Amino acid sequence: MHIMKVFIACCVFSSLFTSAWFVNEKLRREYVEQIVFEESIIELTDTETPIEEINVFEKFRPREYVRVVLK
């Protein structure tokens, strides 16, 4: 009886974890850190994808949890 409960719990956990991982990979956002250096902007990225092809978001500043963007 306990083995069946453990098996079902592991299956539910595994399915929820993998589905959340796939959704996270699909909705991944690329963040860019902008540094101003003598009137020029240097953009540091962690990917090799060209910036023009993807939506790039500025990183959150310290203690900035929500950012309102007007479109």
C-alpha atoms as a PDB file:
ATOM      1  CA  MET A   1       0.000   0.000   0.000  1.00  0.00           C
ATOM      2  CA  HIS A   2       2.751   2.470   0.921  1.00  0.00           C
ATOM      3  CA  ILE A   3       4.819   1.479  -2.095  1.00  0.00           C
ATOM      4  CA  MET A   4       1.897   2.365  -4.388  1.00  0.00           C
ATOM      5  CA  LYS A   5       1.504   5.785  -2.724  1.00  0.00           C
ATOM      6  CA  VAL A   6       5.222   6.494  -3.067  1.00  0.00           C
ATOM      7  CA  PHE A   7       5.161   5.417  -6.719  1.00  0.00           C
ATOM      8  CA  ILE A   8       2.166   7.647  -7.515  1.00  0.00           C
ATOM      9  CA  ALA A   9       3.734  10.589  -5.667  1.00  0.00           C
ATOM     10  CA  CYS A  10       6.969  10.159  -7.636  1.00  0.00           C
ATOM     11  CA  CYS A  11       5.058   9.982 -10.920  1.00  0.00           C
ATOM     12  CA  VAL A  12       3.058  13.134 -10.120  1.00  0.00           C
ATOM     13  CA  PHE A  13       6.193  14.998  -9.041  1.00  0.00           C
ATOM     14  CA  SER A  14       8.109  13.898 -12.144  1.00  0.00           C
ATOM     15  CA  SER A  15       5.331  14.889 -14.523  1.00  0.00           C
ATOM     16  CA  LEU A  16       4.853  18.302 -12.878  1.00  0.00           C
ATOM     17  CA  PHE A  17       8.588  18.957 -12.791  1.00  0.00           C
ATOM     18  CA  THR A  18       9.185  18.040 -16.439  1.00  0.00           C
ATOM     19  CA  SER A  19       6.168  19.992 -17.680  1.00  0.00           C
ATOM     20  CA  ALA A  20       7.289  23.087 -15.728  1.00  0.00           C
ATOM     21  CA  TRP A  21      10.806  22.688 -17.130  1.00  0.00           C
ATOM     22  CA  PHE A  22       9.502  22.517 -20.715  1.00  0.00           C
ATOM     23  CA  VAL A  23       7.314  25.602 -20.191  1.00  0.00           C
ATOM     24  CA  ASN A  24      10.280  27.457 -18.698  1.00  0.00           C
ATOM     25  CA  GLU A  25      12.452  26.583 -21.700  1.00  0.00           C
ATOM     26  CA  LYS A  26       9.740  27.689 -24.122  1.00  0.00           C
ATOM     27  CA  LEU A  27       9.125  31.034 -22.379  1.00  0.00           C
ATOM     28  CA  ARG A  28      12.764  31.832 -21.619  1.00  0.00           C
ATOM     29  CA  ARG A  29      13.669  35.526 -21.787  1.00  0.00           C
ATOM     30  CA  GLU A  30      17.115  36.828 -22.602  1.00  0.00           C
ATOM     31  CA  TYR A  31      18.344  39.571 -20.295  1.00  0.00           C
ATOM     32  CA  VAL A  32      20.997  42.135 -21.164  1.00  0.00           C
ATOM     33  CA  GLU A  33      23.119  44.125 -18.764  1.00  0.00           C
ATOM     34  CA  GLN A  34      23.696  47.638 -20.086  1.00  0.00           C
ATOM     35  CA  ILE A  35      26.773  49.556 -18.962  1.00  0.00           C
ATOM     36  CA  VAL A  36      27.330  53.199 -19.849  1.00  0.00           C
ATOM     37  CA  PHE A  37      30.998  53.877 -20.540  1.00  0.00           C
ATOM     38  CA  GLU A  38      32.054  57.303 -21.808  1.00  0.00           C
ATOM     39  CA  GLU A  39      28.851  58.075 -23.726  1.00  0.00           C
ATOM     40  CA  SER A  40      28.584  54.640 -25.294  1.00  0.00           C
ATOM     41  CA  ILE A  41      26.507  51.626 -24.356  1.00  0.00           C
ATOM     42  CA  ILE A  42      28.144  48.234 -23.987  1.00  0.00           C
ATOM     43  CA  GLU A  43      25.741  45.299 -23.949  1.00  0.00           C
ATOM     44  CA  LEU A  44      26.802  42.062 -22.283  1.00  0.00           C
ATOM     45  CA  THR A  45      24.885  38.915 -23.163  1.00  0.00           C
ATOM     46  CA  ASP A  46      25.205  35.276 -22.209  1.00  0.00           C
ATOM     47  CA  THR A  47      24.035  33.904 -25.565  1.00  0.00           C
ATOM     48  CA  GLU A  48      25.416  33.709 -29.057  1.00  0.00           C
ATOM     49  CA  THR A  49      22.060  34.555 -30.645  1.00  0.00           C
ATOM     50  CA  PRO A  50      22.124  37.937 -32.402  1.00  0.00           C
ATOM     51  CA  ILE A  51      20.294  40.556 -30.361  1.00  0.00           C
ATOM     52  CA  GLU A  52      18.224  41.753 -33.326  1.00  0.00           C
ATOM     53  CA  GLU A  53      16.511  38.381 -33.717  1.00  0.00           C
ATOM     54  CA  ILE A  54      15.179  37.967 -30.166  1.00  0.00           C
ATOM     55  CA  ASN A  55      13.380  40.057 -27.587  1.00  0.00           C
ATOM     56  CA  VAL A  56      15.961  41.299 -25.109  1.00  0.00           C
ATOM     57  CA  PHE A  57      15.059  42.636 -21.704  1.00  0.00           C
ATOM     58  CA  GLU A  58      17.152  44.784 -19.401  1.00  0.00           C
ATOM     59  CA  LYS A  59      18.103  43.060 -16.151  1.00  0.00           C
ATOM     60  CA  PHE A  60      16.243  44.043 -13.005  1.00  0.00           C
ATOM     61  CA  ARG A  61      18.000  46.498 -10.745  1.00  0.00           C
ATOM     62  CA  PRO A  62      18.513  45.576  -7.070  1.00  0.00           C
ATOM     63  CA  ARG A  63      15.183  45.401  -5.228  1.00  0.00           C
ATOM     64  CA  GLU A  64      13.235  45.947  -8.458  1.00  0.00           C
ATOM     65  CA  TYR A  65      10.707  43.133  -8.571  1.00  0.00           C
ATOM     66  CA  VAL A  66       8.162  44.518 -11.036  1.00  0.00           C
ATOM     67  CA  ARG A  67       8.769  46.721 -14.057  1.00  0.00           C
ATOM     68  CA  VAL A  68       5.947  48.543 -15.856  1.00  0.00           C
ATOM     69  CA  VAL A  69       6.701  49.000 -19.551  1.00  0.00           C
ATOM     70  CA  LEU A  70       4.545  51.261 -21.675  1.00  0.00           C
ATOM     71  CA  LYS A  71       3.994  50.036 -25.240  1.00  0.00           C
END
